[in-house]
Amino acid sequence: MTEPIVQSLTAVERPPSASGARTLARFTVDLDGVRIFGLLLRELPDGTRRTVAPNLGGQHVITFRRDLAEKITNAASNTLAGGHFAAEQSRSAA
């Protein structure tokens, strides 16, 4: 499987939830030609970040293996921190 490619990312300013987690961004990622919209990048009170899938009827519409979730979270965090979109990097490397 190739690395996740962040297609778009929008920073979000929301107050922390009751659990203390803050939503940092909403983003779209491409995984080997499958584009997933509406993912959220959240930061927990201890500083760790997680990717959260959208909900439909109170259930997440997709889940990820731990290793893949970490790659997606890292790609979104890097993009949020001012890094280039992975799609731009792969285009310029070609």
C-alpha atoms as a PDB file:
ATOM      1  CA  MET A   1       0.000   0.000   0.000  1.00  0.00           C
ATOM      2  CA  THR A   2       1.260   3.458  -0.841  1.00  0.00           C
ATOM      3  CA  GLU A   3       1.452   6.279   1.654  1.00  0.00           C
ATOM      4  CA  PRO A   4      -1.733   8.260   2.395  1.00  0.00           C
ATOM      5  CA  ILE A   5      -2.069  11.374   0.238  1.00  0.00           C
ATOM      6  CA  VAL A   6      -3.800  14.335   1.888  1.00  0.00           C
ATOM      7  CA  GLN A   7      -6.000  15.837  -0.845  1.00  0.00           C
ATOM      8  CA  SER A   8      -7.410  18.750   1.137  1.00  0.00           C
ATOM      9  CA  LEU A   9      -7.250  19.989   4.700  1.00  0.00           C
ATOM     10  CA  THR A  10      -9.091  22.783   6.478  1.00  0.00           C
ATOM     11  CA  ALA A  11      -8.049  23.909   9.948  1.00  0.00           C
ATOM     12  CA  VAL A  12     -10.941  23.942  12.406  1.00  0.00           C
ATOM     13  CA  GLU A  13     -11.268  26.062  15.536  1.00  0.00           C
ATOM     14  CA  ARG A  14     -13.559  24.364  18.022  1.00  0.00           C
ATOM     15  CA  PRO A  15     -13.501  24.309  21.800  1.00  0.00           C
ATOM     16  CA  PRO A  16     -12.459  20.995  23.374  1.00  0.00           C
ATOM     17  CA  SER A  17     -15.161  18.347  23.745  1.00  0.00           C
ATOM     18  CA  ALA A  18     -16.327  17.046  27.118  1.00  0.00           C
ATOM     19  CA  SER A  19     -13.495  14.477  26.943  1.00  0.00           C
ATOM     20  CA  GLY A  20     -10.960  17.264  26.401  1.00  0.00           C
ATOM     21  CA  ALA A  21     -10.192  16.317  22.783  1.00  0.00           C
ATOM     22  CA  ARG A  22      -9.842  19.208  20.324  1.00  0.00           C
ATOM     23  CA  THR A  23     -10.696  18.996  16.638  1.00  0.00           C
ATOM     24  CA  LEU A  24      -7.798  20.545  14.718  1.00  0.00           C
ATOM     25  CA  ALA A  25      -8.793  19.939  11.098  1.00  0.00           C
ATOM     26  CA  ARG A  26     -11.172  18.327   8.632  1.00  0.00           C
ATOM     27  CA  PHE A  27      -9.484  16.575   5.719  1.00  0.00           C
ATOM     28  CA  THR A  28      -9.704  14.259   2.733  1.00  0.00           C
ATOM     29  CA  VAL A  29      -7.200  11.471   2.136  1.00  0.00           C
ATOM     30  CA  ASP A  30      -6.492   9.234  -0.840  1.00  0.00           C
ATOM     31  CA  LEU A  31      -5.520   5.621  -0.133  1.00  0.00           C
ATOM     32  CA  ASP A  32      -4.509   3.802  -3.310  1.00  0.00           C
ATOM     33  CA  GLY A  33      -7.258   5.453  -5.335  1.00  0.00           C
ATOM     34  CA  VAL A  34      -9.929   5.359  -2.620  1.00  0.00           C
ATOM     35  CA  ARG A  35     -10.718   8.902  -1.503  1.00  0.00           C
ATOM     36  CA  ILE A  36     -12.141   9.324   2.005  1.00  0.00           C
ATOM     37  CA  PHE A  37     -13.869  12.614   2.829  1.00  0.00           C
ATOM     38  CA  GLY A  38     -14.796  14.190   6.147  1.00  0.00           C
ATOM     39  CA  LEU A  39     -12.020  12.798   8.339  1.00  0.00           C
ATOM     40  CA  LEU A  40     -11.222  14.745  11.508  1.00  0.00           C
ATOM     41  CA  LEU A  41      -7.794  15.283  13.020  1.00  0.00           C
ATOM     42  CA  ARG A  42      -8.204  15.399  16.804  1.00  0.00           C
ATOM     43  CA  GLU A  43      -5.743  16.133  19.574  1.00  0.00           C
ATOM     44  CA  LEU A  44      -6.258  14.432  22.934  1.00  0.00           C
ATOM     45  CA  PRO A  45      -5.478  16.136  26.265  1.00  0.00           C
ATOM     46  CA  ASP A  46      -2.134  14.272  26.469  1.00  0.00           C
ATOM     47  CA  GLY A  47      -1.063  15.755  23.101  1.00  0.00           C
ATOM     48  CA  THR A  48      -1.462  12.628  20.981  1.00  0.00           C
ATOM     49  CA  ARG A  49      -3.383  12.975  17.742  1.00  0.00           C
ATOM     50  CA  ARG A  50      -5.920  10.660  16.166  1.00  0.00           C
ATOM     51  CA  THR A  51      -7.869  10.470  12.949  1.00  0.00           C
ATOM     52  CA  VAL A  52     -11.607  10.082  13.415  1.00  0.00           C
ATOM     53  CA  ALA A  53     -13.930   8.887  10.651  1.00  0.00           C
ATOM     54  CA  PRO A  54     -17.259  10.564   9.932  1.00  0.00           C
ATOM     55  CA  ASN A  55     -20.403   9.264  11.597  1.00  0.00           C
ATOM     56  CA  LEU A  56     -23.620   8.052  10.028  1.00  0.00           C
ATOM     57  CA  GLY A  57     -26.438   7.292  12.440  1.00  0.00           C
ATOM     58  CA  GLY A  58     -24.029   7.359  15.376  1.00  0.00           C
ATOM     59  CA  GLN A  59     -21.576   4.840  13.874  1.00  0.00           C
ATOM     60  CA  HIS A  60     -18.228   5.479  12.216  1.00  0.00           C
ATOM     61  CA  VAL A  61     -18.476   4.810   8.483  1.00  0.00           C
ATOM     62  CA  ILE A  62     -14.933   3.435   8.240  1.00  0.00           C
ATOM     63  CA  THR A  63     -12.207   2.103  10.512  1.00  0.00           C
ATOM     64  CA  PHE A  64      -8.461   1.691   9.933  1.00  0.00           C
ATOM     65  CA  ARG A  65      -5.787  -0.721  11.106  1.00  0.00           C
ATOM     66  CA  ARG A  66      -3.623   0.934  13.767  1.00  0.00           C
ATOM     67  CA  ASP A  67      -0.564   1.250  11.475  1.00  0.00           C
ATOM     68  CA  LEU A  68      -2.607   2.825   8.695  1.00  0.00           C
ATOM     69  CA  ALA A  69      -4.393   5.171  11.108  1.00  0.00           C
ATOM     70  CA  GLU A  70      -0.997   6.359  12.371  1.00  0.00           C
ATOM     71  CA  LYS A  71       0.210   7.038   8.814  1.00  0.00           C
ATOM     72  CA  ILE A  72      -2.964   8.994   8.005  1.00  0.00           C
ATOM     73  CA  THR A  73      -2.697  10.978  11.244  1.00  0.00           C
ATOM     74  CA  ASN A  74       0.975  11.771  10.602  1.00  0.00           C
ATOM     75  CA  ALA A  75       0.256  12.892   7.026  1.00  0.00           C
ATOM     76  CA  ALA A  76      -2.567  15.180   8.186  1.00  0.00           C
ATOM     77  CA  SER A  77      -0.489  16.553  11.085  1.00  0.00           C
ATOM     78  CA  ASN A  78       2.411  17.341   8.742  1.00  0.00           C
ATOM     79  CA  THR A  79       0.088  19.083   6.298  1.00  0.00           C
ATOM     80  CA  LEU A  80      -1.522  21.092   9.100  1.00  0.00           C
ATOM     81  CA  ALA A  81       1.929  22.129  10.351  1.00  0.00           C
ATOM     82  CA  GLY A  82       2.619  23.791   7.021  1.00  0.00           C
ATOM     83  CA  GLY A  83       4.012  20.871   5.102  1.00  0.00           C
ATOM     84  CA  HIS A  84       3.148  20.407   1.472  1.00  0.00           C
ATOM     85  CA  PHE A  85       0.250  18.258   0.433  1.00  0.00           C
ATOM     86  CA  ALA A  86       1.537  14.794  -0.410  1.00  0.00           C
ATOM     87  CA  ALA A  87      -0.147  15.084  -3.830  1.00  0.00           C
ATOM     88  CA  GLU A  88       2.015  18.143  -4.613  1.00  0.00           C
ATOM     89  CA  GLN A  89       5.166  16.319  -3.517  1.00  0.00           C
ATOM     90  CA  SER A  90       4.439  13.295  -5.688  1.00  0.00           C
ATOM     91  CA  ARG A  91       3.645  15.509  -8.693  1.00  0.00           C
ATOM     92  CA  SER A  92       6.866  17.511  -8.335  1.00  0.00           C
ATOM     93  CA  ALA A  93       8.929  14.328  -7.901  1.00  0.00           C
ATOM     94  CA  ALA A  94       7.639  12.842 -11.160  1.00  0.00           C
END
